[in-house]
Structure formats: C-alpha cells, structure tokens
Amino acid sequence: LSAGGGAFMDPDTRALIKQRGISIWLRADLDTLVSRTKGRTHRPLLNSGDPRQTLAEMIEVRYPVYGEADIIVDTGLDNPNVTGSRVNAALDAFLAQPRPAADSPAGPQS
C-alpha cells in the first residue's frame, strides 16, 4: 500500500501502520523531488507559487515525521529497478531482526 505523503503525517494513521504493517520511506533530496515533480499537474500543492520552495517547506515539516518509518531507503534518480532492489534488501534485513514475542509487553496488542 502506498499512502500519500500527507497520510503518514496523521498520528492515528502512523500508529495504525506501526501496529498492522511495516512503513518504508523512500527518502529523496530536494533536487531529486524537484526533478521528479517538474511539469506534473496532478500535485495540487505544487501547482501555484514556487514548487521548489513549497517542496523545501514540506521537507522541513514532514521529514522528521517520515523518519519514524520502520525502514528508510535513500533514493535518487536511479532506475526504479535499482530502488526496488534496495527496498527488497532493506525489507529482508528488517524482517530478519528479532521481534518481541506477541504476548510480551512490547509485542502487538489485541
């Protein structure tokens, strides 16, 4: 499931994702985001004013929250297959980590 960037900003949504899933943030720097979104009209927040400035402001507010993701994969202008391979490797490493038992205080609650 790919949630829109704003969805993860909601504390209740983050808590639900943390409880029921694994969150992966595909982190990109400002230049990459500007390049990826240039000329696209389906992003309402970027359709007025200076898109670079808007993205910079969004990064300042959102990146600290996105940093709560279970997995963070740095991306750039790489081929999507390269990014996909990085995501798979990061997910494999995450899943290989020991987890608290389901009935322990730190484990999932029913």
PDB file of N, CA and C in Angstrom:
ATOM      1  N   LEU A   1       0.848  -1.170   0.000  1.00  0.00           N
ATOM      2  CA  LEU A   1       0.000   0.000   0.000  1.00  0.00           C
ATOM      3  C   LEU A   1       0.891   1.229   0.000  1.00  0.00           C
ATOM      4  N   SER A   2       0.606   2.128  -0.864  1.00  0.00           N
ATOM      5  CA  SER A   2       1.334   3.395  -0.899  1.00  0.00           C
ATOM      6  C   SER A   2       0.413   4.491  -0.402  1.00  0.00           C
ATOM      7  N   ALA A   3       0.707   4.984   0.775  1.00  0.00           N
ATOM      8  CA  ALA A   3      -0.087   6.081   1.334  1.00  0.00           C
ATOM      9  C   ALA A   3       0.494   7.392   0.825  1.00  0.00           C
ATOM     10  N   GLY A   4      -0.351   8.358   0.573  1.00  0.00           N
ATOM     11  CA  GLY A   4       0.145   9.676   0.196  1.00  0.00           C
ATOM     12  C   GLY A   4       0.981  10.249   1.324  1.00  0.00           C
ATOM     13  N   GLY A   5       1.899  11.137   0.981  1.00  0.00           N
ATOM     14  CA  GLY A   5       2.795  11.709   1.980  1.00  0.00           C
ATOM     15  C   GLY A   5       2.088  12.351   3.152  1.00  0.00           C
ATOM     16  N   GLY A   6       0.960  12.978   2.885  1.00  0.00           N
ATOM     17  CA  GLY A   6       0.210  13.622   3.954  1.00  0.00           C
ATOM     18  C   GLY A   6      -0.424  12.629   4.908  1.00  0.00           C
ATOM     19  N   ALA A   7      -0.726  11.430   4.422  1.00  0.00           N
ATOM     20  CA  ALA A   7      -1.380  10.426   5.271  1.00  0.00           C
ATOM     21  C   ALA A   7      -0.497  10.050   6.456  1.00  0.00           C
ATOM     22  N   PHE A   8       0.798   9.910   6.231  1.00  0.00           N
ATOM     23  CA  PHE A   8       1.709   9.499   7.299  1.00  0.00           C
ATOM     24  C   PHE A   8       1.897  10.604   8.328  1.00  0.00           C
ATOM     25  N   MET A   9       1.501  11.817   7.987  1.00  0.00           N
ATOM     26  CA  MET A   9       1.597  12.932   8.930  1.00  0.00           C
ATOM     27  C   MET A   9       0.554  12.816  10.040  1.00  0.00           C
ATOM     28  N   ASP A  10      -0.506  12.071   9.798  1.00  0.00           N
ATOM     29  CA  ASP A  10      -1.565  11.904  10.794  1.00  0.00           C
ATOM     30  C   ASP A  10      -1.116  10.899  11.855  1.00  0.00           C
ATOM     31  N   PRO A  11      -1.082  11.284  13.135  1.00  0.00           N
ATOM     32  CA  PRO A  11      -0.597  10.382  14.186  1.00  0.00           C
ATOM     33  C   PRO A  11      -1.392   9.082  14.277  1.00  0.00           C
ATOM     34  N   ASP A  12      -2.703   9.144  14.073  1.00  0.00           N
ATOM     35  CA  ASP A  12      -3.513   7.926  14.139  1.00  0.00           C
ATOM     36  C   ASP A  12      -3.169   6.976  12.999  1.00  0.00           C
ATOM     37  N   THR A  13      -2.954   7.526  11.822  1.00  0.00           N
ATOM     38  CA  THR A  13      -2.569   6.703  10.673  1.00  0.00           C
ATOM     39  C   THR A  13      -1.216   6.054  10.920  1.00  0.00           C
ATOM     40  N   ARG A  14      -0.256   6.834  11.427  1.00  0.00           N
ATOM     41  CA  ARG A  14       1.071   6.276  11.729  1.00  0.00           C
ATOM     42  C   ARG A  14       0.971   5.150  12.741  1.00  0.00           C
ATOM     43  N   ALA A  15       0.165   5.351  13.778  1.00  0.00           N
ATOM     44  CA  ALA A  15       0.016   4.322  14.815  1.00  0.00           C
ATOM     45  C   ALA A  15      -0.575   3.051  14.228  1.00  0.00           C
ATOM     46  N   LEU A  16      -1.559   3.189  13.363  1.00  0.00           N
ATOM     47  CA  LEU A  16      -2.186   2.020  12.748  1.00  0.00           C
ATOM     48  C   LEU A  16      -1.208   1.288  11.837  1.00  0.00           C
ATOM     49  N   ILE A  17      -0.451   2.046  11.064  1.00  0.00           N
ATOM     50  CA  ILE A  17       0.558   1.424  10.200  1.00  0.00           C
ATOM     51  C   ILE A  17       1.594   0.702  11.052  1.00  0.00           C
ATOM     52  N   LYS A  18       2.024   1.328  12.134  1.00  0.00           N
ATOM     53  CA  LYS A  18       3.020   0.713  13.023  1.00  0.00           C
ATOM     54  C   LYS A  18       2.482  -0.588  13.623  1.00  0.00           C
ATOM     55  N   GLN A  19       1.205  -0.573  13.973  1.00  0.00           N
ATOM     56  CA  GLN A  19       0.584  -1.737  14.602  1.00  0.00           C
ATOM     57  C   GLN A  19       0.340  -2.870  13.608  1.00  0.00           C
ATOM     58  N   ARG A  20      -0.056  -2.530  12.400  1.00  0.00           N
ATOM     59  CA  ARG A  20      -0.525  -3.545  11.453  1.00  0.00           C
ATOM     60  C   ARG A  20       0.384  -3.786  10.257  1.00  0.00           C
ATOM     61  N   GLY A  21       1.425  -2.996  10.111  1.00  0.00           N
ATOM     62  CA  GLY A  21       2.227  -3.133   8.901  1.00  0.00           C
ATOM     63  C   GLY A  21       3.668  -2.724   9.112  1.00  0.00           C
ATOM     64  N   ILE A  22       4.332  -2.498   8.025  1.00  0.00           N
ATOM     65  CA  ILE A  22       5.721  -2.048   8.016  1.00  0.00           C
ATOM     66  C   ILE A  22       5.765  -0.799   7.145  1.00  0.00           C
ATOM     67  N   SER A  23       6.309   0.267   7.677  1.00  0.00           N
ATOM     68  CA  SER A  23       6.393   1.503   6.895  1.00  0.00           C
ATOM     69  C   SER A  23       7.781   1.629   6.272  1.00  0.00           C
ATOM     70  N   ILE A  24       7.787   2.024   5.014  1.00  0.00           N
ATOM     71  CA  ILE A  24       9.031   2.222   4.272  1.00  0.00           C
ATOM     72  C   ILE A  24       8.997   3.619   3.673  1.00  0.00           C
ATOM     73  N   TRP A  25       9.999   4.407   3.995  1.00  0.00           N
ATOM     74  CA  TRP A  25      10.107   5.756   3.440  1.00  0.00           C
ATOM     75  C   TRP A  25      11.158   5.736   2.345  1.00  0.00           C
ATOM     76  N   LEU A  26      10.756   6.123   1.146  1.00  0.00           N
ATOM     77  CA  LEU A  26      11.689   6.285   0.047  1.00  0.00           C
ATOM     78  C   LEU A  26      12.152   7.741   0.075  1.00  0.00           C
ATOM     79  N   ARG A  27      13.261   7.977   0.763  1.00  0.00           N
ATOM     80  CA  ARG A  27      13.746   9.338   1.012  1.00  0.00           C
ATOM     81  C   ARG A  27      14.491   9.871  -0.219  1.00  0.00           C
ATOM     82  N   ALA A  28      14.176  11.102  -0.569  1.00  0.00           N
ATOM     83  CA  ALA A  28      14.850  11.764  -1.687  1.00  0.00           C
ATOM     84  C   ALA A  28      15.207  13.187  -1.273  1.00  0.00           C
ATOM     85  N   ASP A  29      16.288  13.698  -1.841  1.00  0.00           N
ATOM     86  CA  ASP A  29      16.677  15.073  -1.530  1.00  0.00           C
ATOM     87  C   ASP A  29      15.848  16.055  -2.361  1.00  0.00           C
ATOM     88  N   LEU A  30      15.987  17.319  -2.045  1.00  0.00           N
ATOM     89  CA  LEU A  30      15.179  18.355  -2.685  1.00  0.00           C
ATOM     90  C   LEU A  30      15.363  18.369  -4.204  1.00  0.00           C
ATOM     91  N   ASP A  31      16.600  18.294  -4.673  1.00  0.00           N
ATOM     92  CA  ASP A  31      16.828  18.330  -6.119  1.00  0.00           C
ATOM     93  C   ASP A  31      16.132  17.169  -6.825  1.00  0.00           C
ATOM     94  N   THR A  32      16.172  16.001  -6.221  1.00  0.00           N
ATOM     95  CA  THR A  32      15.505  14.837  -6.804  1.00  0.00           C
ATOM     96  C   THR A  32      14.001  15.052  -6.853  1.00  0.00           C
ATOM     97  N   LEU A  33      13.432  15.561  -5.769  1.00  0.00           N
ATOM     98  CA  LEU A  33      11.988  15.797  -5.741  1.00  0.00           C
ATOM     99  C   LEU A  33      11.572  16.838  -6.776  1.00  0.00           C
ATOM    100  N   VAL A  34      12.358  17.893  -6.915  1.00  0.00           N
ATOM    101  CA  VAL A  34      12.048  18.916  -7.916  1.00  0.00           C
ATOM    102  C   VAL A  34      12.075  18.291  -9.307  1.00  0.00           C
ATOM    103  N   SER A  35      13.090  17.492  -9.588  1.00  0.00           N
ATOM    104  CA  SER A  35      13.206  16.850 -10.893  1.00  0.00           C
ATOM    105  C   SER A  35      12.033  15.908 -11.162  1.00  0.00           C
ATOM    106  N   ARG A  36      11.656  15.136 -10.155  1.00  0.00           N
ATOM    107  CA  ARG A  36      10.570  14.161 -10.321  1.00  0.00           C
ATOM    108  C   ARG A  36       9.209  14.818 -10.518  1.00  0.00           C
ATOM    109  N   THR A  37       9.005  15.984  -9.941  1.00  0.00           N
ATOM    110  CA  THR A  37       7.678  16.602  -9.980  1.00  0.00           C
ATOM    111  C   THR A  37       7.562  17.712 -11.023  1.00  0.00           C
ATOM    112  N   LYS A  38       8.648  18.090 -11.645  1.00  0.00           N
ATOM    113  CA  LYS A  38       8.640  19.196 -12.607  1.00  0.00           C
ATOM    114  C   LYS A  38       7.664  18.909 -13.752  1.00  0.00           C
ATOM    115  N   GLY A  39       6.781  19.871 -13.997  1.00  0.00           N
ATOM    116  CA  GLY A  39       5.853  19.761 -15.109  1.00  0.00           C
ATOM    117  C   GLY A  39       4.648  18.875 -14.862  1.00  0.00           C
ATOM    118  N   ARG A  40       4.562  18.294 -13.699  1.00  0.00           N
ATOM    119  CA  ARG A  40       3.409  17.437 -13.395  1.00  0.00           C
ATOM    120  C   ARG A  40       2.299  18.292 -12.807  1.00  0.00           C
ATOM    121  N   THR A  41       1.088  18.041 -13.238  1.00  0.00           N
ATOM    122  CA  THR A  41      -0.036  18.878 -12.805  1.00  0.00           C
ATOM    123  C   THR A  41      -0.937  18.191 -11.792  1.00  0.00           C
ATOM    124  N   HIS A  42      -0.652  16.951 -11.440  1.00  0.00           N
ATOM    125  CA  HIS A  42      -1.530  16.221 -10.515  1.00  0.00           C
ATOM    126  C   HIS A  42      -1.135  16.394  -9.044  1.00  0.00           C
ATOM    127  N   ARG A  43      -0.270  17.323  -8.755  1.00  0.00           N
ATOM    128  CA  ARG A  43       0.135  17.602  -7.374  1.00  0.00           C
ATOM    129  C   ARG A  43      -0.335  19.005  -7.006  1.00  0.00           C
ATOM    130  N   PRO A  44      -1.549  19.112  -6.442  1.00  0.00           N
ATOM    131  CA  PRO A  44      -2.139  20.431  -6.180  1.00  0.00           C
ATOM    132  C   PRO A  44      -1.259  21.369  -5.360  1.00  0.00           C
ATOM    133  N   LEU A  45      -0.528  20.848  -4.395  1.00  0.00           N
ATOM    134  CA  LEU A  45       0.306  21.714  -3.557  1.00  0.00           C
ATOM    135  C   LEU A  45       1.443  22.367  -4.342  1.00  0.00           C
ATOM    136  N   LEU A  46       1.766  21.802  -5.500  1.00  0.00           N
ATOM    137  CA  LEU A  46       2.889  22.321  -6.283  1.00  0.00           C
ATOM    138  C   LEU A  46       2.443  23.118  -7.503  1.00  0.00           C
ATOM    139  N   ASN A  47       1.145  23.309  -7.662  1.00  0.00           N
ATOM    140  CA  ASN A  47       0.629  23.979  -8.855  1.00  0.00           C
ATOM    141  C   ASN A  47       0.600  25.494  -8.759  1.00  0.00           C
ATOM    142  N   SER A  48       0.935  26.047  -7.618  1.00  0.00           N
ATOM    143  CA  SER A  48       0.972  27.505  -7.503  1.00  0.00           C
ATOM    144  C   SER A  48       2.233  27.908  -6.746  1.00  0.00           C
ATOM    145  N   GLY A  49       2.694  29.104  -7.002  1.00  0.00           N
ATOM    146  CA  GLY A  49       3.894  29.583  -6.325  1.00  0.00           C
ATOM    147  C   GLY A  49       5.143  28.906  -6.857  1.00  0.00           C
ATOM    148  N   ASP A  50       6.159  28.858  -6.026  1.00  0.00           N
ATOM    149  CA  ASP A  50       7.453  28.274  -6.379  1.00  0.00           C
ATOM    150  C   ASP A  50       7.486  26.827  -5.893  1.00  0.00           C
ATOM    151  N   PRO A  51       7.402  25.846  -6.810  1.00  0.00           N
ATOM    152  CA  PRO A  51       7.372  24.440  -6.391  1.00  0.00           C
ATOM    153  C   PRO A  51       8.591  24.040  -5.553  1.00  0.00           C
ATOM    154  N   ARG A  52       9.769  24.569  -5.890  1.00  0.00           N
ATOM    155  CA  ARG A  52      10.975  24.224  -5.125  1.00  0.00           C
ATOM    156  C   ARG A  52      10.840  24.699  -3.679  1.00  0.00           C
ATOM    157  N   GLN A  53      10.362  25.927  -3.492  1.00  0.00           N
ATOM    158  CA  GLN A  53      10.178  26.458  -2.143  1.00  0.00           C
ATOM    159  C   GLN A  53       9.118  25.656  -1.390  1.00  0.00           C
ATOM    160  N   THR A  54       8.029  25.312  -2.081  1.00  0.00           N
ATOM    161  CA  THR A  54       6.973  24.510  -1.452  1.00  0.00           C
ATOM    162  C   THR A  54       7.527  23.169  -1.005  1.00  0.00           C
ATOM    163  N   LEU A  55       8.296  22.517  -1.874  1.00  0.00           N
ATOM    164  CA  LEU A  55       8.895  21.230  -1.510  1.00  0.00           C
ATOM    165  C   LEU A  55       9.866  21.387  -0.344  1.00  0.00           C
ATOM    166  N   ALA A  56      10.659  22.446  -0.342  1.00  0.00           N
ATOM    167  CA  ALA A  56      11.599  22.680   0.765  1.00  0.00           C
ATOM    168  C   ALA A  56      10.853  22.832   2.082  1.00  0.00           C
ATOM    169  N   GLU A  57       9.747  23.554   2.057  1.00  0.00           N
ATOM    170  CA  GLU A  57       8.943  23.723   3.273  1.00  0.00           C
ATOM    171  C   GLU A  57       8.323  22.396   3.707  1.00  0.00           C
ATOM    172  N   MET A  58       7.865  21.601   2.749  1.00  0.00           N
ATOM    173  CA  MET A  58       7.289  20.295   3.078  1.00  0.00           C
ATOM    174  C   MET A  58       8.348  19.379   3.690  1.00  0.00           C
ATOM    175  N   ILE A  59       9.558  19.420   3.139  1.00  0.00           N
ATOM    176  CA  ILE A  59      10.654  18.613   3.676  1.00  0.00           C
ATOM    177  C   ILE A  59      10.913  18.982   5.127  1.00  0.00           C
ATOM    178  N   GLU A  60      10.963  20.262   5.409  1.00  0.00           N
ATOM    179  CA  GLU A  60      11.245  20.716   6.776  1.00  0.00           C
ATOM    180  C   GLU A  60      10.213  20.188   7.771  1.00  0.00           C
ATOM    181  N   VAL A  61       8.958  20.178   7.373  1.00  0.00           N
ATOM    182  CA  VAL A  61       7.882  19.744   8.266  1.00  0.00           C
ATOM    183  C   VAL A  61       7.740  18.225   8.283  1.00  0.00           C
ATOM    184  N   ARG A  62       7.802  17.619   7.112  1.00  0.00           N
ATOM    185  CA  ARG A  62       7.456  16.202   7.007  1.00  0.00           C
ATOM    186  C   ARG A  62       8.605  15.236   7.289  1.00  0.00           C
ATOM    187  N   TYR A  63       9.822  15.584   6.908  1.00  0.00           N
ATOM    188  CA  TYR A  63      10.903  14.610   7.034  1.00  0.00           C
ATOM    189  C   TYR A  63      11.151  14.132   8.462  1.00  0.00           C
ATOM    190  N   PRO A  64      11.047  14.983   9.474  1.00  0.00           N
ATOM    191  CA  PRO A  64      11.202  14.454  10.835  1.00  0.00           C
ATOM    192  C   PRO A  64      10.146  13.395  11.175  1.00  0.00           C
ATOM    193  N   VAL A  65       8.941  13.566  10.673  1.00  0.00           N
ATOM    194  CA  VAL A  65       7.878  12.584  10.921  1.00  0.00           C
ATOM    195  C   VAL A  65       8.115  11.338  10.075  1.00  0.00           C
ATOM    196  N   TYR A  66       8.461  11.525   8.812  1.00  0.00           N
ATOM    197  CA  TYR A  66       8.742  10.378   7.948  1.00  0.00           C
ATOM    198  C   TYR A  66       9.886   9.538   8.518  1.00  0.00           C
ATOM    199  N   GLY A  67      10.769  10.187   9.270  1.00  0.00           N
ATOM    200  CA  GLY A  67      11.882   9.474   9.886  1.00  0.00           C
ATOM    201  C   GLY A  67      11.450   8.430  10.896  1.00  0.00           C
ATOM    202  N   GLU A  68      10.167   8.425  11.265  1.00  0.00           N
ATOM    203  CA  GLU A  68       9.637   7.399  12.163  1.00  0.00           C
ATOM    204  C   GLU A  68       9.343   6.092  11.432  1.00  0.00           C
ATOM    205  N   ALA A  69       9.523   6.065  10.123  1.00  0.00           N
ATOM    206  CA  ALA A  69       9.270   4.848   9.347  1.00  0.00           C
ATOM    207  C   ALA A  69      10.147   3.707   9.852  1.00  0.00           C
ATOM    208  N   ASP A  70       9.643   2.495   9.699  1.00  0.00           N
ATOM    209  CA  ASP A  70      10.408   1.315  10.106  1.00  0.00           C
ATOM    210  C   ASP A  70      11.672   1.163   9.269  1.00  0.00           C
ATOM    211  N   ILE A  71      11.566   1.494   7.997  1.00  0.00           N
ATOM    212  CA  ILE A  71      12.671   1.337   7.051  1.00  0.00           C
ATOM    213  C   ILE A  71      12.801   2.631   6.259  1.00  0.00           C
ATOM    214  N   ILE A  72      14.033   3.073   6.067  1.00  0.00           N
ATOM    215  CA  ILE A  72      14.291   4.255   5.247  1.00  0.00           C
ATOM    216  C   ILE A  72      15.253   3.847   4.139  1.00  0.00           C
ATOM    217  N   VAL A  73      14.849   4.099   2.899  1.00  0.00           N
ATOM    218  CA  VAL A  73      15.684   3.787   1.743  1.00  0.00           C
ATOM    219  C   VAL A  73      15.946   5.089   0.999  1.00  0.00           C
ATOM    220  N   ASP A  74      17.214   5.440   0.862  1.00  0.00           N
ATOM    221  CA  ASP A  74      17.563   6.642   0.115  1.00  0.00           C
ATOM    222  C   ASP A  74      17.425   6.365  -1.378  1.00  0.00           C
ATOM    223  N   THR A  75      16.785   7.309  -2.053  1.00  0.00           N
ATOM    224  CA  THR A  75      16.579   7.178  -3.492  1.00  0.00           C
ATOM    225  C   THR A  75      17.156   8.398  -4.177  1.00  0.00           C
ATOM    226  N   GLY A  76      17.271   8.293  -5.444  1.00  0.00           N
ATOM    227  CA  GLY A  76      17.730   9.410  -6.257  1.00  0.00           C
ATOM    228  C   GLY A  76      17.055   9.281  -7.602  1.00  0.00           C
ATOM    229  N   LEU A  77      17.777   9.598  -8.624  1.00  0.00           N
ATOM    230  CA  LEU A  77      17.222   9.480  -9.966  1.00  0.00           C
ATOM    231  C   LEU A  77      17.589   8.139 -10.588  1.00  0.00           C
ATOM    232  N   ASP A  78      17.848   7.153  -9.725  1.00  0.00           N
ATOM    233  CA  ASP A  78      18.198   5.817 -10.194  1.00  0.00           C
ATOM    234  C   ASP A  78      17.035   5.176 -10.934  1.00  0.00           C
ATOM    235  N   ASN A  79      17.363   4.166 -11.691  1.00  0.00           N
ATOM    236  CA  ASN A  79      16.367   3.323 -12.325  1.00  0.00           C
ATOM    237  C   ASN A  79      15.467   2.750 -11.235  1.00  0.00           C
ATOM    238  N   PRO A  80      14.155   2.705 -11.451  1.00  0.00           N
ATOM    239  CA  PRO A  80      13.253   2.153 -10.429  1.00  0.00           C
ATOM    240  C   PRO A  80      13.615   0.728 -10.003  1.00  0.00           C
ATOM    241  N   ASN A  81      14.226  -0.052 -10.893  1.00  0.00           N
ATOM    242  CA  ASN A  81      14.633  -1.409 -10.517  1.00  0.00           C
ATOM    243  C   ASN A  81      15.731  -1.388  -9.458  1.00  0.00           C
ATOM    244  N   VAL A  82      16.617  -0.407  -9.537  1.00  0.00           N
ATOM    245  CA  VAL A  82      17.679  -0.261  -8.536  1.00  0.00           C
ATOM    246  C   VAL A  82      17.054   0.076  -7.185  1.00  0.00           C
ATOM    247  N   THR A  83      16.132   1.022  -7.185  1.00  0.00           N
ATOM    248  CA  THR A  83      15.450   1.386  -5.943  1.00  0.00           C
ATOM    249  C   THR A  83      14.677   0.199  -5.400  1.00  0.00           C
ATOM    250  N   GLY A  84      13.997  -0.530  -6.265  1.00  0.00           N
ATOM    251  CA  GLY A  84      13.258  -1.720  -5.835  1.00  0.00           C
ATOM    252  C   GLY A  84      14.168  -2.749  -5.185  1.00  0.00           C
ATOM    253  N   SER A  85      15.345  -2.938  -5.736  1.00  0.00           N
ATOM    254  CA  SER A  85      16.310  -3.877  -5.145  1.00  0.00           C
ATOM    255  C   SER A  85      16.757  -3.403  -3.768  1.00  0.00           C
ATOM    256  N   ARG A  86      16.959  -2.096  -3.621  1.00  0.00           N
ATOM    257  CA  ARG A  86      17.333  -1.549  -2.306  1.00  0.00           C
ATOM    258  C   ARG A  86      16.213  -1.757  -1.290  1.00  0.00           C
ATOM    259  N   VAL A  87      14.977  -1.540  -1.725  1.00  0.00           N
ATOM    260  CA  VAL A  87      13.831  -1.749  -0.831  1.00  0.00           C
ATOM    261  C   VAL A  87      13.764  -3.212  -0.413  1.00  0.00           C
ATOM    262  N   ASN A  88      13.905  -4.123  -1.364  1.00  0.00           N
ATOM    263  CA  ASN A  88      13.858  -5.551  -1.033  1.00  0.00           C
ATOM    264  C   ASN A  88      14.947  -5.932  -0.041  1.00  0.00           C
ATOM    265  N   ALA A  89      16.161  -5.435  -0.250  1.00  0.00           N
ATOM    266  CA  ALA A  89      17.262  -5.747   0.663  1.00  0.00           C
ATOM    267  C   ALA A  89      16.990  -5.178   2.053  1.00  0.00           C
ATOM    268  N   ALA A  90      16.492  -3.951   2.118  1.00  0.00           N
ATOM    269  CA  ALA A  90      16.197  -3.332   3.417  1.00  0.00           C
ATOM    270  C   ALA A  90      15.067  -4.068   4.126  1.00  0.00           C
ATOM    271  N   LEU A  91      14.058  -4.486   3.378  1.00  0.00           N
ATOM    272  CA  LEU A  91      12.949  -5.226   3.974  1.00  0.00           C
ATOM    273  C   LEU A  91      13.415  -6.585   4.475  1.00  0.00           C
ATOM    274  N   ASP A  92      14.239  -7.274   3.700  1.00  0.00           N
ATOM    275  CA  ASP A  92      14.788  -8.559   4.153  1.00  0.00           C
ATOM    276  C   ASP A  92      15.568  -8.387   5.453  1.00  0.00           C
ATOM    277  N   ALA A  93      16.393  -7.342   5.527  1.00  0.00           N
ATOM    278  CA  ALA A  93      17.177  -7.091   6.743  1.00  0.00           C
ATOM    279  C   ALA A  93      16.260  -6.775   7.920  1.00  0.00           C
ATOM    280  N   PHE A  94      15.231  -5.998   7.683  1.00  0.00           N
ATOM    281  CA  PHE A  94      14.279  -5.645   8.741  1.00  0.00           C
ATOM    282  C   PHE A  94      13.564  -6.895   9.256  1.00  0.00           C
ATOM    283  N   LEU A  95      13.112  -7.730   8.344  1.00  0.00           N
ATOM    284  CA  LEU A  95      12.372  -8.936   8.738  1.00  0.00           C
ATOM    285  C   LEU A  95      13.260  -9.966   9.431  1.00  0.00           C
ATOM    286  N   ALA A  96      14.562  -9.896   9.197  1.00  0.00           N
ATOM    287  CA  ALA A  96      15.494 -10.832   9.829  1.00  0.00           C
ATOM    288  C   ALA A  96      15.809 -10.452  11.273  1.00  0.00           C
ATOM    289  N   GLN A  97      15.444  -9.243  11.684  1.00  0.00           N
ATOM    290  CA  GLN A  97      15.712  -8.798  13.052  1.00  0.00           C
ATOM    291  C   GLN A  97      14.784  -9.518  14.022  1.00  0.00           C
ATOM    292  N   PRO A  98      15.295  -9.831  15.224  1.00  0.00           N
ATOM    293  CA  PRO A  98      14.421 -10.445  16.233  1.00  0.00           C
ATOM    294  C   PRO A  98      13.289  -9.494  16.611  1.00  0.00           C
ATOM    295  N   ARG A  99      12.134 -10.046  16.851  1.00  0.00           N
ATOM    296  CA  ARG A  99      10.951  -9.272  17.248  1.00  0.00           C
ATOM    297  C   ARG A  99      10.517  -9.697  18.638  1.00  0.00           C
ATOM    298  N   PRO A 100       9.893  -8.772  19.391  1.00  0.00           N
ATOM    299  CA  PRO A 100       9.331  -9.166  20.688  1.00  0.00           C
ATOM    300  C   PRO A 100       8.228 -10.203  20.480  1.00  0.00           C
ATOM    301  N   ALA A 101       8.102 -11.107  21.429  1.00  0.00           N
ATOM    302  CA  ALA A 101       7.030 -12.105  21.359  1.00  0.00           C
ATOM    303  C   ALA A 101       5.679 -11.401  21.400  1.00  0.00           C
ATOM    304  N   ALA A 102       4.684 -11.993  20.760  1.00  0.00           N
ATOM    305  CA  ALA A 102       3.349 -11.391  20.670  1.00  0.00           C
ATOM    306  C   ALA A 102       2.727 -11.168  22.040  1.00  0.00           C
ATOM    307  N   ASP A 103       3.084 -12.000  23.018  1.00  0.00           N
ATOM    308  CA  ASP A 103       2.470 -11.856  24.338  1.00  0.00           C
ATOM    309  C   ASP A 103       3.328 -11.043  25.309  1.00  0.00           C
ATOM    310  N   SER A 104       4.451 -10.492  24.827  1.00  0.00           N
ATOM    311  CA  SER A 104       5.282  -9.675  25.707  1.00  0.00           C
ATOM    312  C   SER A 104       4.723  -8.256  25.759  1.00  0.00           C
ATOM    313  N   PRO A 105       5.099  -7.483  26.774  1.00  0.00           N
ATOM    314  CA  PRO A 105       4.591  -6.112  26.892  1.00  0.00           C
ATOM    315  C   PRO A 105       4.897  -5.252  25.664  1.00  0.00           C
ATOM    316  N   ALA A 106       6.003  -5.524  24.988  1.00  0.00           N
ATOM    317  CA  ALA A 106       6.360  -4.719  23.822  1.00  0.00           C
ATOM    318  C   ALA A 106       5.747  -5.256  22.535  1.00  0.00           C
ATOM    319  N   GLY A 107       5.106  -6.416  22.604  1.00  0.00           N
ATOM    320  CA  GLY A 107       4.536  -7.039  21.408  1.00  0.00           C
ATOM    321  C   GLY A 107       3.198  -6.451  21.032  1.00  0.00           C
ATOM    322  N   PRO A 108       2.636  -6.922  19.905  1.00  0.00           N
ATOM    323  CA  PRO A 108       1.343  -6.418  19.442  1.00  0.00           C
ATOM    324  C   PRO A 108       0.239  -6.654  20.455  1.00  0.00           C
ATOM    325  N   GLN A 109      -0.678  -5.728  20.501  1.00  0.00           N
ATOM    326  CA  GLN A 109      -1.823  -5.835  21.409  1.00  0.00           C
ATOM    327  C   GLN A 109      -3.056  -6.237  20.621  1.00  0.00           C
ATOM    328  N   SER A 110      -3.908  -7.054  21.221  1.00  0.00           N
ATOM    329  CA  SER A 110      -5.138  -7.459  20.537  1.00  0.00           C
ATOM    330  C   SER A 110      -6.266  -6.532  20.898  1.00  0.00           C
TER     331      SER A 110
END
